[in-house]
C-alpha cells in the first residue's frame, strides 16, 4: 500500500519529512489560490518526493448537482477548470464526495435526483479522463447526504454510471458511521481509492482501541486492492500524529 494525508499543499514539507508517499489536497482550496501561488506549488512538487496525486472536495458547497437548482453547463465548465488545475499539480485521482452538493432536495423526486446524479457522475468521469484523472465515488454517512451512503449503494451508482474512468472509494469513517458491513468490502471490490480515520471522532488512526482497522484493511486487500490509502482525519499536531499513524498503518499491513 501507499500512504498519504488529506491536507493542504502548505504541509508538503512535513509529509516529506515523515516519509509519506503522496498528498491529497482539496480541489476547492487549490481553486481558490492565485495562479502564481499554484504555479509555485507546481514547481515545488516537481522537486519533491511527495506528489499531489489525489484530490477531494471536488465541488464548492454552493453548487447543486441535483434538483431544480442544478445547471449542467455550469457544472461542465467548472469541471474543466478544476481538472485543468488538478492536472497542473500532478493529480491522478479525484474523490466524488461533496455530500451537500449531491443531496436530494426536500420534496424533490428521489428517483429523478438519482438519475441526475448518475448523469453528473458520468460527466465528471468523461471530463476527468481527458486530463488523465481517475474519479472515485465516495459513499458518505447519512448526516452528510441522503444519496449514496453505503458501499453497496456506491457500487450500484458506479454500475449505473457505467464509465471506465469511474470506480469506487471505501472510507472507514463513513463505513462505521453508517453501520455498514466491513466484510462487504471484500465482495464489492472495484475500489480505486481508500480513506481512513477513526470511526468515533474522525481522528488520525493511532491504535486498535474501539476500532476495526485490521478487519477493514484485510477486507479491502482481499478484494484485490493494493494502492493508495489517505488519512482523512482531525489532528492538532500533524507532525506527531502523522508519524504515529504512518507507523501504525504500516505495522497493520505487515501483520497482514
C-alpha atoms as a PDB file:
ATOM      1  CA  UNK A   1       0.000   0.000   0.000  1.00  0.00           C
ATOM      2  CA  UNK A   2       0.970   3.655  -0.448  1.00  0.00           C
ATOM      3  CA  UNK A   3       0.026   6.198   2.211  1.00  0.00           C
ATOM      4  CA  UNK A   4      -0.937   9.860   2.066  1.00  0.00           C
ATOM      5  CA  UNK A   5      -2.681  12.529   4.126  1.00  0.00           C
ATOM      6  CA  UNK A   6      -5.592  14.776   3.189  1.00  0.00           C
ATOM      7  CA  UNK A   7      -4.107  18.193   3.922  1.00  0.00           C
ATOM      8  CA  UNK A   8      -3.099  21.496   2.378  1.00  0.00           C
ATOM      9  CA  UNK A   9      -0.186  21.943  -0.003  1.00  0.00           C
ATOM     10  CA  UNK A  10       1.488  24.131   2.618  1.00  0.00           C
ATOM     11  CA  UNK A  11       2.175  20.912   4.572  1.00  0.00           C
ATOM     12  CA  UNK A  12       4.129  19.309   1.739  1.00  0.00           C
ATOM     13  CA  UNK A  13       7.474  19.512   3.532  1.00  0.00           C
ATOM     14  CA  UNK A  14       6.055  17.881   6.668  1.00  0.00           C
ATOM     15  CA  UNK A  15       4.830  14.905   4.638  1.00  0.00           C
ATOM     16  CA  UNK A  16       8.267  14.684   3.040  1.00  0.00           C
ATOM     17  CA  UNK A  17       9.961  14.537   6.436  1.00  0.00           C
ATOM     18  CA  UNK A  18       7.539  11.897   7.684  1.00  0.00           C
ATOM     19  CA  UNK A  19       8.061   9.637   4.670  1.00  0.00           C
ATOM     20  CA  UNK A  20       4.574   9.701   3.161  1.00  0.00           C
ATOM     21  CA  UNK A  21       4.111   8.670  -0.449  1.00  0.00           C
ATOM     22  CA  UNK A  22       1.744  11.440  -1.583  1.00  0.00           C
ATOM     23  CA  UNK A  23      -0.516  14.295  -0.514  1.00  0.00           C
ATOM     24  CA  UNK A  24      -4.284  14.578  -1.054  1.00  0.00           C
ATOM     25  CA  UNK A  25      -5.402  18.190  -1.483  1.00  0.00           C
ATOM     26  CA  UNK A  26      -8.782  19.911  -1.640  1.00  0.00           C
ATOM     27  CA  UNK A  27      -9.913  20.897  -5.135  1.00  0.00           C
ATOM     28  CA  UNK A  28     -11.878  23.895  -3.888  1.00  0.00           C
ATOM     29  CA  UNK A  29      -8.913  25.030  -1.792  1.00  0.00           C
ATOM     30  CA  UNK A  30      -6.426  24.992  -4.684  1.00  0.00           C
ATOM     31  CA  UNK A  31      -9.019  26.595  -6.976  1.00  0.00           C
ATOM     32  CA  UNK A  32      -9.114  29.462  -4.501  1.00  0.00           C
ATOM     33  CA  UNK A  33      -5.381  30.125  -4.782  1.00  0.00           C
ATOM     34  CA  UNK A  34      -3.945  32.796  -7.043  1.00  0.00           C
ATOM     35  CA  UNK A  35      -2.432  31.321 -10.208  1.00  0.00           C
ATOM     36  CA  UNK A  36       1.038  32.493  -9.214  1.00  0.00           C
ATOM     37  CA  UNK A  37       0.734  30.592  -5.934  1.00  0.00           C
ATOM     38  CA  UNK A  38      -0.473  27.446  -7.719  1.00  0.00           C
ATOM     39  CA  UNK A  39       2.450  27.719 -10.134  1.00  0.00           C
ATOM     40  CA  UNK A  40       4.814  27.998  -7.181  1.00  0.00           C
ATOM     41  CA  UNK A  41       3.406  24.828  -5.643  1.00  0.00           C
ATOM     42  CA  UNK A  42       3.625  23.072  -9.010  1.00  0.00           C
ATOM     43  CA  UNK A  43       7.353  23.837  -9.113  1.00  0.00           C
ATOM     44  CA  UNK A  44       7.844  22.634  -5.534  1.00  0.00           C
ATOM     45  CA  UNK A  45       6.044  19.380  -6.346  1.00  0.00           C
ATOM     46  CA  UNK A  46       8.352  18.729  -9.295  1.00  0.00           C
ATOM     47  CA  UNK A  47      11.305  18.656  -6.892  1.00  0.00           C
ATOM     48  CA  UNK A  48       9.537  16.792  -4.095  1.00  0.00           C
ATOM     49  CA  UNK A  49       9.475  13.057  -3.411  1.00  0.00           C
ATOM     50  CA  UNK A  50       5.871  13.575  -2.290  1.00  0.00           C
ATOM     51  CA  UNK A  51       3.482  14.330  -5.139  1.00  0.00           C
ATOM     52  CA  UNK A  52      -0.053  15.725  -5.054  1.00  0.00           C
ATOM     53  CA  UNK A  53      -1.538  12.578  -6.540  1.00  0.00           C
ATOM     54  CA  UNK A  54      -5.042  12.767  -5.069  1.00  0.00           C
ATOM     55  CA  UNK A  55      -7.758  15.374  -4.571  1.00  0.00           C
ATOM     56  CA  UNK A  56     -11.013  15.618  -2.631  1.00  0.00           C
ATOM     57  CA  UNK A  57     -13.786  18.200  -2.044  1.00  0.00           C
ATOM     58  CA  UNK A  58     -14.362  18.385  -5.772  1.00  0.00           C
ATOM     59  CA  UNK A  59     -17.316  20.788  -5.831  1.00  0.00           C
ATOM     60  CA  UNK A  60     -17.907  24.009  -3.859  1.00  0.00           C
ATOM     61  CA  UNK A  61     -20.703  23.698  -1.286  1.00  0.00           C
ATOM     62  CA  UNK A  62     -22.748  26.323  -3.124  1.00  0.00           C
ATOM     63  CA  UNK A  63     -23.007  24.218  -6.296  1.00  0.00           C
ATOM     64  CA  UNK A  64     -26.066  21.982  -6.719  1.00  0.00           C
ATOM     65  CA  UNK A  65     -25.528  18.752  -8.648  1.00  0.00           C
ATOM     66  CA  UNK A  66     -29.117  17.501  -8.466  1.00  0.00           C
ATOM     67  CA  UNK A  67     -32.507  19.149  -8.124  1.00  0.00           C
ATOM     68  CA  UNK A  68     -34.103  22.229  -9.708  1.00  0.00           C
ATOM     69  CA  UNK A  69     -31.053  24.407  -8.996  1.00  0.00           C
ATOM     70  CA  UNK A  70     -28.585  22.224 -10.897  1.00  0.00           C
ATOM     71  CA  UNK A  71     -27.091  23.817 -14.027  1.00  0.00           C
ATOM     72  CA  UNK A  72     -25.425  21.240 -16.279  1.00  0.00           C
ATOM     73  CA  UNK A  73     -23.431  23.744 -18.314  1.00  0.00           C
ATOM     74  CA  UNK A  74     -22.146  25.433 -15.159  1.00  0.00           C
ATOM     75  CA  UNK A  75     -21.106  22.045 -13.788  1.00  0.00           C
ATOM     76  CA  UNK A  76     -19.383  21.084 -17.046  1.00  0.00           C
ATOM     77  CA  UNK A  77     -17.450  24.363 -17.248  1.00  0.00           C
ATOM     78  CA  UNK A  78     -16.407  24.083 -13.601  1.00  0.00           C
ATOM     79  CA  UNK A  79     -15.196  20.510 -14.099  1.00  0.00           C
ATOM     80  CA  UNK A  80     -12.932  21.533 -16.968  1.00  0.00           C
ATOM     81  CA  UNK A  81     -11.422  24.327 -14.861  1.00  0.00           C
ATOM     82  CA  UNK A  82     -10.989  22.050 -11.833  1.00  0.00           C
ATOM     83  CA  UNK A  83      -9.475  19.185 -13.825  1.00  0.00           C
ATOM     84  CA  UNK A  84      -7.057  21.577 -15.528  1.00  0.00           C
ATOM     85  CA  UNK A  85      -5.816  22.788 -12.138  1.00  0.00           C
ATOM     86  CA  UNK A  86      -5.531  19.236 -10.755  1.00  0.00           C
ATOM     87  CA  UNK A  87      -3.601  18.151 -13.818  1.00  0.00           C
ATOM     88  CA  UNK A  88      -1.151  21.052 -13.456  1.00  0.00           C
ATOM     89  CA  UNK A  89      -0.450  19.912  -9.881  1.00  0.00           C
ATOM     90  CA  UNK A  90       0.001  16.257 -10.848  1.00  0.00           C
ATOM     91  CA  UNK A  91      -3.390  14.877  -9.831  1.00  0.00           C
ATOM     92  CA  UNK A  92      -4.116  11.227 -10.656  1.00  0.00           C
ATOM     93  CA  UNK A  93      -7.354  10.567  -8.747  1.00  0.00           C
ATOM     94  CA  UNK A  94     -10.214  12.762  -7.522  1.00  0.00           C
ATOM     95  CA  UNK A  95     -12.871  11.872  -4.970  1.00  0.00           C
ATOM     96  CA  UNK A  96     -16.515  12.455  -5.902  1.00  0.00           C
ATOM     97  CA  UNK A  97     -17.852  13.152  -2.403  1.00  0.00           C
ATOM     98  CA  UNK A  98     -19.421  16.606  -1.999  1.00  0.00           C
ATOM     99  CA  UNK A  99     -22.364  15.341   0.054  1.00  0.00           C
ATOM    100  CA  UNK A 100     -24.191  18.652   0.357  1.00  0.00           C
ATOM    101  CA  UNK A 101     -23.959  19.252  -3.403  1.00  0.00           C
ATOM    102  CA  UNK A 102     -25.437  15.868  -4.292  1.00  0.00           C
ATOM    103  CA  UNK A 103     -28.152  15.779  -1.616  1.00  0.00           C
ATOM    104  CA  UNK A 104     -31.673  15.203  -2.875  1.00  0.00           C
ATOM    105  CA  UNK A 105     -33.635  18.378  -2.006  1.00  0.00           C
ATOM    106  CA  UNK A 106     -36.615  18.096   0.299  1.00  0.00           C
ATOM    107  CA  UNK A 107     -39.845  17.155  -1.530  1.00  0.00           C
ATOM    108  CA  UNK A 108     -37.892  16.505  -4.759  1.00  0.00           C
ATOM    109  CA  UNK A 109     -38.410  13.260  -6.689  1.00  0.00           C
ATOM    110  CA  UNK A 110     -35.756  10.890  -5.321  1.00  0.00           C
ATOM    111  CA  UNK A 111     -35.602   8.750  -8.450  1.00  0.00           C
ATOM    112  CA  UNK A 112     -35.098  11.834 -10.604  1.00  0.00           C
ATOM    113  CA  UNK A 113     -32.357  13.054  -8.277  1.00  0.00           C
ATOM    114  CA  UNK A 114     -30.603   9.706  -8.560  1.00  0.00           C
ATOM    115  CA  UNK A 115     -30.819   9.806 -12.361  1.00  0.00           C
ATOM    116  CA  UNK A 116     -29.351  13.314 -12.311  1.00  0.00           C
ATOM    117  CA  UNK A 117     -26.536  12.146 -10.040  1.00  0.00           C
ATOM    118  CA  UNK A 118     -25.743   9.331 -12.472  1.00  0.00           C
ATOM    119  CA  UNK A 119     -25.501  11.877 -15.308  1.00  0.00           C
ATOM    120  CA  UNK A 120     -23.269  14.264 -13.352  1.00  0.00           C
ATOM    121  CA  UNK A 121     -21.031  11.437 -12.199  1.00  0.00           C
ATOM    122  CA  UNK A 122     -20.651  10.211 -15.770  1.00  0.00           C
ATOM    123  CA  UNK A 123     -19.907  13.757 -16.937  1.00  0.00           C
ATOM    124  CA  UNK A 124     -17.258  14.001 -14.234  1.00  0.00           C
ATOM    125  CA  UNK A 125     -15.667  10.734 -15.354  1.00  0.00           C
ATOM    126  CA  UNK A 126     -15.673  11.776 -19.006  1.00  0.00           C
ATOM    127  CA  UNK A 127     -14.196  15.198 -18.279  1.00  0.00           C
ATOM    128  CA  UNK A 128     -11.552  13.984 -15.847  1.00  0.00           C
ATOM    129  CA  UNK A 129     -10.441  11.279 -18.283  1.00  0.00           C
ATOM    130  CA  UNK A 130      -9.421  13.965 -20.768  1.00  0.00           C
ATOM    131  CA  UNK A 131      -6.948  15.207 -18.158  1.00  0.00           C
ATOM    132  CA  UNK A 132      -5.658  11.789 -17.122  1.00  0.00           C
ATOM    133  CA  UNK A 133      -7.513  11.856 -13.785  1.00  0.00           C
ATOM    134  CA  UNK A 134      -9.482   8.934 -12.353  1.00  0.00           C
ATOM    135  CA  UNK A 135     -12.769   9.516 -10.477  1.00  0.00           C
ATOM    136  CA  UNK A 136     -13.881   7.561  -7.393  1.00  0.00           C
ATOM    137  CA  UNK A 137     -17.392   7.678  -5.923  1.00  0.00           C
ATOM    138  CA  UNK A 138     -17.378   8.221  -2.154  1.00  0.00           C
ATOM    139  CA  UNK A 139     -20.284   6.789  -0.133  1.00  0.00           C
ATOM    140  CA  UNK A 140     -20.896   9.201   2.762  1.00  0.00           C
ATOM    141  CA  UNK A 141     -22.549   8.968   6.174  1.00  0.00           C
ATOM    142  CA  UNK A 142     -26.227   9.817   6.356  1.00  0.00           C
ATOM    143  CA  UNK A 143     -25.766  13.082   8.220  1.00  0.00           C
ATOM    144  CA  UNK A 144     -23.803  14.390   5.209  1.00  0.00           C
ATOM    145  CA  UNK A 145     -26.061  13.293   2.360  1.00  0.00           C
ATOM    146  CA  UNK A 146     -29.155  11.258   1.523  1.00  0.00           C
ATOM    147  CA  UNK A 147     -27.865   9.925  -1.805  1.00  0.00           C
ATOM    148  CA  UNK A 148     -25.329   7.075  -1.842  1.00  0.00           C
ATOM    149  CA  UNK A 149     -24.315   6.233   1.703  1.00  0.00           C
ATOM    150  CA  UNK A 150     -23.196   2.592   1.796  1.00  0.00           C
ATOM    151  CA  UNK A 151     -20.514   0.831  -0.207  1.00  0.00           C
ATOM    152  CA  UNK A 152     -23.226  -1.259  -1.891  1.00  0.00           C
ATOM    153  CA  UNK A 153     -25.094   1.890  -2.948  1.00  0.00           C
ATOM    154  CA  UNK A 154     -21.822   3.284  -4.264  1.00  0.00           C
ATOM    155  CA  UNK A 155     -21.277   0.115  -6.284  1.00  0.00           C
ATOM    156  CA  UNK A 156     -24.792   0.419  -7.726  1.00  0.00           C
ATOM    157  CA  UNK A 157     -24.145   4.048  -8.704  1.00  0.00           C
ATOM    158  CA  UNK A 158     -20.864   3.024 -10.327  1.00  0.00           C
ATOM    159  CA  UNK A 159     -22.702   0.333 -12.283  1.00  0.00           C
ATOM    160  CA  UNK A 160     -25.357   2.827 -13.412  1.00  0.00           C
ATOM    161  CA  UNK A 161     -22.710   5.366 -14.448  1.00  0.00           C
ATOM    162  CA  UNK A 162     -21.006   2.627 -16.482  1.00  0.00           C
ATOM    163  CA  UNK A 163     -17.839   4.514 -17.355  1.00  0.00           C
ATOM    164  CA  UNK A 164     -14.337   3.051 -17.341  1.00  0.00           C
ATOM    165  CA  UNK A 165     -12.945   6.127 -15.595  1.00  0.00           C
ATOM    166  CA  UNK A 166     -15.303   5.950 -12.597  1.00  0.00           C
ATOM    167  CA  UNK A 167     -14.830   3.459  -9.762  1.00  0.00           C
ATOM    168  CA  UNK A 168     -15.464   3.362  -6.016  1.00  0.00           C
ATOM    169  CA  UNK A 169     -13.951   4.590  -2.759  1.00  0.00           C
ATOM    170  CA  UNK A 170     -14.244   2.993   0.680  1.00  0.00           C
ATOM    171  CA  UNK A 171     -13.924   5.293   3.702  1.00  0.00           C
ATOM    172  CA  UNK A 172     -13.531   3.596   7.077  1.00  0.00           C
ATOM    173  CA  UNK A 173     -15.090   6.514   8.984  1.00  0.00           C
ATOM    174  CA  UNK A 174     -18.238   6.517   6.821  1.00  0.00           C
ATOM    175  CA  UNK A 175     -18.464   2.718   6.897  1.00  0.00           C
ATOM    176  CA  UNK A 176     -18.524   2.812  10.699  1.00  0.00           C
ATOM    177  CA  UNK A 177     -20.855   5.821  10.912  1.00  0.00           C
ATOM    178  CA  UNK A 178     -23.402   4.061   8.691  1.00  0.00           C
ATOM    179  CA  UNK A 179     -23.002   0.713  10.475  1.00  0.00           C
ATOM    180  CA  UNK A 180     -22.088  -0.611   7.048  1.00  0.00           C
ATOM    181  CA  UNK A 181     -20.712  -4.132   6.807  1.00  0.00           C
ATOM    182  CA  UNK A 182     -16.910  -4.139   6.644  1.00  0.00           C
ATOM    183  CA  UNK A 183     -16.982  -7.626   5.163  1.00  0.00           C
ATOM    184  CA  UNK A 184     -18.970  -6.273   2.193  1.00  0.00           C
ATOM    185  CA  UNK A 185     -15.808  -4.517   1.035  1.00  0.00           C
ATOM    186  CA  UNK A 186     -14.299  -7.870   0.095  1.00  0.00           C
ATOM    187  CA  UNK A 187     -17.170  -8.898  -2.174  1.00  0.00           C
ATOM    188  CA  UNK A 188     -17.957  -5.439  -3.572  1.00  0.00           C
ATOM    189  CA  UNK A 189     -14.358  -4.674  -4.543  1.00  0.00           C
ATOM    190  CA  UNK A 190     -13.518  -2.497  -7.533  1.00  0.00           C
ATOM    191  CA  UNK A 191     -12.026   0.213  -5.327  1.00  0.00           C
ATOM    192  CA  UNK A 192      -9.950   2.986  -6.842  1.00  0.00           C
ATOM    193  CA  UNK A 193      -9.052   4.768  -3.609  1.00  0.00           C
ATOM    194  CA  UNK A 194      -9.328   4.432   0.192  1.00  0.00           C
ATOM    195  CA  UNK A 195      -9.838   6.900   3.064  1.00  0.00           C
ATOM    196  CA  UNK A 196      -9.243   6.133   6.727  1.00  0.00           C
ATOM    197  CA  UNK A 197      -9.847   7.923  10.035  1.00  0.00           C
ATOM    198  CA  UNK A 198     -11.141   6.813  13.428  1.00  0.00           C
ATOM    199  CA  UNK A 199     -14.773   5.712  13.445  1.00  0.00           C
ATOM    200  CA  UNK A 200     -15.708   7.711  16.528  1.00  0.00           C
ATOM    201  CA  UNK A 201     -14.112  11.139  16.372  1.00  0.00           C
ATOM    202  CA  UNK A 202     -12.693  11.083  12.845  1.00  0.00           C
ATOM    203  CA  UNK A 203      -9.155  11.493  14.114  1.00  0.00           C
ATOM    204  CA  UNK A 204      -5.912  10.030  12.783  1.00  0.00           C
ATOM    205  CA  UNK A 205      -5.747   6.217  13.120  1.00  0.00           C
ATOM    206  CA  UNK A 206      -3.370   5.616  16.019  1.00  0.00           C
ATOM    207  CA  UNK A 207      -4.498   2.455  17.827  1.00  0.00           C
ATOM    208  CA  UNK A 208      -6.864  -0.500  17.589  1.00  0.00           C
ATOM    209  CA  UNK A 209      -8.794   0.504  20.705  1.00  0.00           C
ATOM    210  CA  UNK A 210     -12.501   0.503  19.812  1.00  0.00           C
ATOM    211  CA  UNK A 211     -11.717   0.271  16.096  1.00  0.00           C
ATOM    212  CA  UNK A 212     -11.837  -2.378  13.359  1.00  0.00           C
ATOM    213  CA  UNK A 213      -8.976  -1.142  11.198  1.00  0.00           C
ATOM    214  CA  UNK A 214      -7.471  -4.605  10.909  1.00  0.00           C
ATOM    215  CA  UNK A 215     -10.723  -6.096   9.592  1.00  0.00           C
ATOM    216  CA  UNK A 216     -11.213  -3.183   7.192  1.00  0.00           C
ATOM    217  CA  UNK A 217      -7.710  -3.379   5.733  1.00  0.00           C
ATOM    218  CA  UNK A 218      -7.974  -7.159   5.471  1.00  0.00           C
ATOM    219  CA  UNK A 219     -11.266  -6.867   3.555  1.00  0.00           C
ATOM    220  CA  UNK A 220     -10.054  -4.288   1.049  1.00  0.00           C
ATOM    221  CA  UNK A 221      -6.839  -6.233   0.499  1.00  0.00           C
ATOM    222  CA  UNK A 222      -8.861  -9.419  -0.061  1.00  0.00           C
ATOM    223  CA  UNK A 223     -10.846  -7.520  -2.696  1.00  0.00           C
ATOM    224  CA  UNK A 224      -7.597  -7.068  -4.626  1.00  0.00           C
ATOM    225  CA  UNK A 225      -6.837  -3.503  -3.605  1.00  0.00           C
ATOM    226  CA  UNK A 226      -3.182  -2.528  -3.165  1.00  0.00           C
ATOM    227  CA  UNK A 227      -2.859   1.174  -3.958  1.00  0.00           C
ATOM    228  CA  UNK A 228      -3.356   4.468  -2.116  1.00  0.00           C
ATOM    229  CA  UNK A 229      -4.747   4.921   1.411  1.00  0.00           C
ATOM    230  CA  UNK A 230      -5.311   8.512   2.544  1.00  0.00           C
ATOM    231  CA  UNK A 231      -5.677   9.550   6.171  1.00  0.00           C
ATOM    232  CA  UNK A 232      -8.622  11.948   6.271  1.00  0.00           C
ATOM    233  CA  UNK A 233      -8.904  12.906   9.911  1.00  0.00           C
ATOM    234  CA  UNK A 234      -8.551  15.628  12.511  1.00  0.00           C
ATOM    235  CA  UNK A 235      -5.330  16.334  14.356  1.00  0.00           C
ATOM    236  CA  UNK A 236      -3.892  19.113  16.484  1.00  0.00           C
ATOM    237  CA  UNK A 237      -0.334  18.014  15.724  1.00  0.00           C
ATOM    238  CA  UNK A 238       0.162  16.904  12.132  1.00  0.00           C
ATOM    239  CA  UNK A 239       3.828  16.023  12.553  1.00  0.00           C
ATOM    240  CA  UNK A 240       3.362  13.941  15.703  1.00  0.00           C
ATOM    241  CA  UNK A 241       0.148  12.164  14.714  1.00  0.00           C
ATOM    242  CA  UNK A 242       1.266  11.831  11.099  1.00  0.00           C
ATOM    243  CA  UNK A 243       4.384   9.941  12.144  1.00  0.00           C
ATOM    244  CA  UNK A 244       2.485   7.714  14.572  1.00  0.00           C
ATOM    245  CA  UNK A 245      -0.324   6.966  12.106  1.00  0.00           C
ATOM    246  CA  UNK A 246       2.074   6.003   9.312  1.00  0.00           C
ATOM    247  CA  UNK A 247       3.977   3.633  11.596  1.00  0.00           C
ATOM    248  CA  UNK A 248       0.689   2.170  12.851  1.00  0.00           C
ATOM    249  CA  UNK A 249      -0.748   1.551   9.384  1.00  0.00           C
ATOM    250  CA  UNK A 250       2.491   0.020   8.118  1.00  0.00           C
ATOM    251  CA  UNK A 251       2.547  -2.259  11.139  1.00  0.00           C
ATOM    252  CA  UNK A 252      -1.011  -3.429  10.437  1.00  0.00           C
ATOM    253  CA  UNK A 253      -0.098  -4.073   6.813  1.00  0.00           C
ATOM    254  CA  UNK A 254       2.987  -6.041   7.819  1.00  0.00           C
ATOM    255  CA  UNK A 255       0.879  -8.161  10.167  1.00  0.00           C
ATOM    256  CA  UNK A 256      -1.380  -8.987   7.229  1.00  0.00           C
END
